[in-house]
Amino acid sequence: MPSLIIKKYWWVGALIALIIGVIIFGINSPTAEELSEKIPTIGADHISAGEIHKSYNSNPPTSGPHTAADADWGIYQEEISDEAAVHNLEHGGIWITYQDVSNQELKNKLETLAGQYKSKILLSPRIKNDSPIALVAWGRLLKLANFDEIKIQQFIKQYKNKGPEFIPD
C-alpha cells in the first residue's frame, strides 16, 4: 500500500523539492548591485565634440565630460563615442558594449536582448573594452566574460532611469 501511494503522489515530493530549490537559489543569487562595481562619478561637464578632456576613471566610462548631444537610443553596428554615450547615461540610459566585433553569435544575442527595450538602451561595439561585455549605467559598471541574460536584465532593471538627469522614456 505505501508503495502505491508513493507511485501515485511522487510529483508532490518533486514539486516541494523544486520550490525549496527555487527559494534557496533566490536567496543566494546576487543582486545587480552586488554584481556590478560602483564607480565614483567625476562630474557631468558638457564639452564640444572632439574637445580634449580629463581621462575617465573607468573602462568604459560611467560618468564625466560628455557632448551636449546624446546618441539616439538603439542598436549600433559601429562604435559610438564615449562622450555621446556618457550623455545618455546621464539621462538614465544603459550602455551595453561588446569587444569582439567578429563574434556574430554574441552580437545576435545582445541585439535580441537590447531589442526588447523601446528606449534608454544603447548597444554598440567598443574595441577599447577590457572585457568581452560591459554594461554601463551612471556610476555603475558590470563586466562579463560571457553572455548572461539574467545578469544583463538584472542590471538593466536595477539601473535604468537612475541617471542624475531624469528624461522620461
Protein backbone atom coordinates (compact mmCIF):
# COMPACT_ATOMS: atom_id res chain seq x y z
CA MET A 1 0.00 0.00 0.00
CA PRO A 2 2.72 2.60 0.84
CA SER A 3 4.45 1.96 -2.49
CA LEU A 4 1.14 2.60 -4.29
CA ILE A 5 0.82 5.99 -2.53
CA ILE A 6 4.44 6.86 -3.38
CA LYS A 7 3.89 5.97 -7.05
CA LYS A 8 0.65 7.94 -7.19
CA TYR A 9 1.90 11.11 -5.46
CA TRP A 10 5.61 11.26 -6.42
CA TRP A 11 5.02 14.58 -8.14
CA VAL A 12 4.16 16.24 -4.81
CA GLY A 13 7.64 15.47 -3.48
CA ALA A 14 9.22 16.66 -6.72
CA LEU A 15 7.23 19.91 -6.56
CA ILE A 16 8.27 20.53 -2.95
CA ALA A 17 11.92 19.89 -3.84
CA LEU A 18 11.62 22.30 -6.78
CA ILE A 19 10.09 25.03 -4.61
CA ILE A 20 12.82 24.62 -2.00
CA GLY A 21 15.47 24.80 -4.73
CA VAL A 22 13.99 28.00 -6.17
CA ILE A 23 13.86 29.59 -2.72
CA ILE A 24 17.47 28.66 -1.95
CA PHE A 25 18.65 29.88 -5.39
CA GLY A 26 16.70 33.13 -4.97
CA ILE A 27 18.21 33.77 -1.55
CA ASN A 28 21.74 33.02 -2.71
CA SER A 29 21.70 34.68 -6.14
CA PRO A 30 23.49 38.02 -6.16
CA THR A 31 21.68 41.24 -6.99
CA ALA A 32 22.73 43.59 -9.80
CA GLU A 33 24.17 45.87 -7.14
CA GLU A 34 26.33 43.06 -5.76
CA LEU A 35 27.44 42.01 -9.25
CA SER A 36 28.33 45.46 -10.52
CA GLU A 37 31.03 47.85 -9.45
CA LYS A 38 30.20 51.27 -8.05
CA ILE A 39 32.41 53.83 -9.77
CA PRO A 40 32.83 57.31 -8.23
CA THR A 41 31.24 59.90 -10.50
CA ILE A 42 33.57 62.53 -11.93
CA GLY A 43 31.17 65.23 -12.96
CA ALA A 44 28.91 65.90 -15.90
CA ASP A 45 30.52 68.76 -17.80
CA HIS A 46 29.39 69.41 -21.37
CA ILE A 47 32.18 69.60 -23.91
CA SER A 48 32.38 70.14 -27.65
CA ALA A 49 32.75 67.08 -29.87
CA GLY A 50 36.44 66.24 -30.12
CA GLU A 51 37.42 68.53 -27.24
CA ILE A 52 40.29 67.32 -25.07
CA HIS A 53 39.13 66.49 -21.54
CA LYS A 54 40.33 64.78 -18.40
CA SER A 55 40.53 60.99 -18.53
CA TYR A 56 37.64 58.82 -17.45
CA ASN A 57 38.03 56.74 -14.30
CA SER A 58 36.60 53.51 -15.72
CA ASN A 59 36.60 51.50 -18.92
CA PRO A 60 34.01 52.08 -20.35
CA PRO A 61 33.27 55.43 -18.70
CA THR A 62 30.36 55.68 -16.27
CA SER A 63 30.31 59.48 -15.84
CA GLY A 64 32.31 62.54 -16.73
CA PRO A 65 32.68 65.00 -19.58
CA HIS A 66 30.27 64.45 -22.44
CA THR A 67 28.95 66.12 -25.55
CA ALA A 68 25.87 68.31 -25.37
CA ALA A 69 24.16 66.00 -27.88
CA ASP A 70 23.37 62.47 -26.79
CA ALA A 71 23.14 59.44 -29.08
CA ASP A 72 19.82 58.12 -30.35
CA TRP A 73 18.70 55.12 -28.31
CA GLY A 74 19.16 51.82 -30.10
CA ILE A 75 21.47 49.26 -31.60
CA TYR A 76 24.64 50.41 -33.36
CA GLN A 77 26.81 48.41 -35.74
CA GLU A 78 29.71 50.85 -35.34
CA GLU A 79 31.32 52.28 -32.23
CA ILE A 80 29.82 55.41 -30.74
CA SER A 81 31.88 57.99 -28.92
CA ASP A 82 32.31 57.64 -25.20
CA GLU A 83 31.38 61.31 -24.86
CA ALA A 84 27.97 60.82 -26.55
CA ALA A 85 27.22 57.61 -24.62
CA VAL A 86 28.04 59.24 -21.27
CA HIS A 87 25.38 61.85 -22.02
CA ASN A 88 22.86 59.01 -22.45
CA LEU A 89 23.97 57.57 -19.11
CA GLU A 90 23.30 60.94 -17.51
CA HIS A 91 19.70 60.60 -18.75
CA GLY A 92 19.31 57.21 -17.09
CA GLY A 93 20.34 55.05 -20.00
CA ILE A 94 22.16 51.74 -20.07
CA TRP A 95 25.06 51.26 -22.47
CA ILE A 96 25.82 47.67 -23.44
CA THR A 97 29.15 47.24 -25.19
CA TYR A 98 30.98 44.25 -26.62
CA GLN A 99 34.61 43.99 -27.59
CA ASP A 100 34.80 41.34 -30.34
CA VAL A 101 33.00 42.61 -33.44
CA SER A 102 33.63 39.29 -35.21
CA ASN A 103 31.67 37.28 -32.61
CA GLN A 104 28.38 37.12 -34.53
CA GLU A 105 26.73 34.76 -32.03
CA LEU A 106 27.32 37.18 -29.14
CA LYS A 107 26.27 40.14 -31.25
CA ASN A 108 22.99 38.40 -32.19
CA LYS A 109 22.21 37.55 -28.56
CA LEU A 110 22.90 41.10 -27.40
CA GLU A 111 20.86 42.61 -30.24
CA THR A 112 17.91 40.35 -29.43
CA LEU A 113 18.06 41.32 -25.76
CA ALA A 114 18.55 45.05 -26.43
CA GLY A 115 15.73 44.99 -28.96
CA GLN A 116 13.28 44.16 -26.16
CA TYR A 117 13.59 47.73 -24.85
CA LYS A 118 12.00 50.72 -26.58
CA SER A 119 14.32 53.32 -25.10
CA LYS A 120 17.13 54.01 -22.65
CA ILE A 121 19.33 51.27 -24.15
CA LEU A 122 22.42 51.72 -26.28
CA LEU A 123 24.18 48.69 -27.74
CA SER A 124 27.44 49.14 -29.59
CA PRO A 125 30.78 47.53 -30.20
CA ARG A 126 33.65 49.09 -28.26
CA ILE A 127 37.12 47.81 -29.06
CA LYS A 128 38.70 49.65 -26.07
CA ASN A 129 36.79 47.46 -23.57
CA ASP A 130 38.97 45.41 -21.26
CA SER A 131 36.28 42.71 -21.01
CA PRO A 132 34.22 40.91 -23.67
CA ILE A 133 30.98 42.57 -22.48
CA ALA A 134 30.45 45.66 -20.35
CA LEU A 135 27.19 47.12 -19.07
CA VAL A 136 27.31 50.71 -18.01
CA ALA A 137 24.94 52.99 -16.10
CA TRP A 138 25.68 56.30 -14.38
CA GLY A 139 28.27 55.39 -11.74
CA ARG A 140 27.86 51.61 -12.25
CA LEU A 141 29.81 49.07 -14.28
CA LEU A 142 29.31 45.35 -14.83
CA LYS A 143 31.93 43.43 -16.81
CA LEU A 144 31.10 39.97 -18.13
CA ALA A 145 33.31 37.33 -19.70
CA ASN A 146 30.31 35.65 -21.34
CA PHE A 147 26.73 36.45 -22.30
CA ASP A 148 24.48 36.09 -19.25
CA GLU A 149 20.93 37.16 -20.00
CA ILE A 150 19.81 37.07 -16.37
CA LYS A 151 22.65 39.30 -15.13
CA ILE A 152 22.16 41.72 -18.02
CA GLN A 153 18.43 42.00 -17.38
CA GLN A 154 19.04 42.44 -13.64
CA PHE A 155 21.46 45.28 -14.34
CA ILE A 156 19.03 46.99 -16.71
CA LYS A 157 16.14 46.63 -14.27
CA GLN A 158 18.24 47.95 -11.38
CA TYR A 159 19.85 50.97 -13.08
CA LYS A 160 17.67 52.08 -16.00
CA ASN A 161 16.31 55.59 -15.36
CA LYS A 162 18.74 56.17 -12.46
CA GLY A 163 20.90 58.90 -14.01
CA PRO A 164 21.19 62.35 -12.44
CA GLU A 165 19.03 63.92 -15.18
CA PHE A 166 15.74 62.05 -15.50
CA ILE A 167 14.34 62.17 -19.01
CA PRO A 168 11.10 60.14 -19.34
CA ASP A 169 11.03 57.15 -21.70
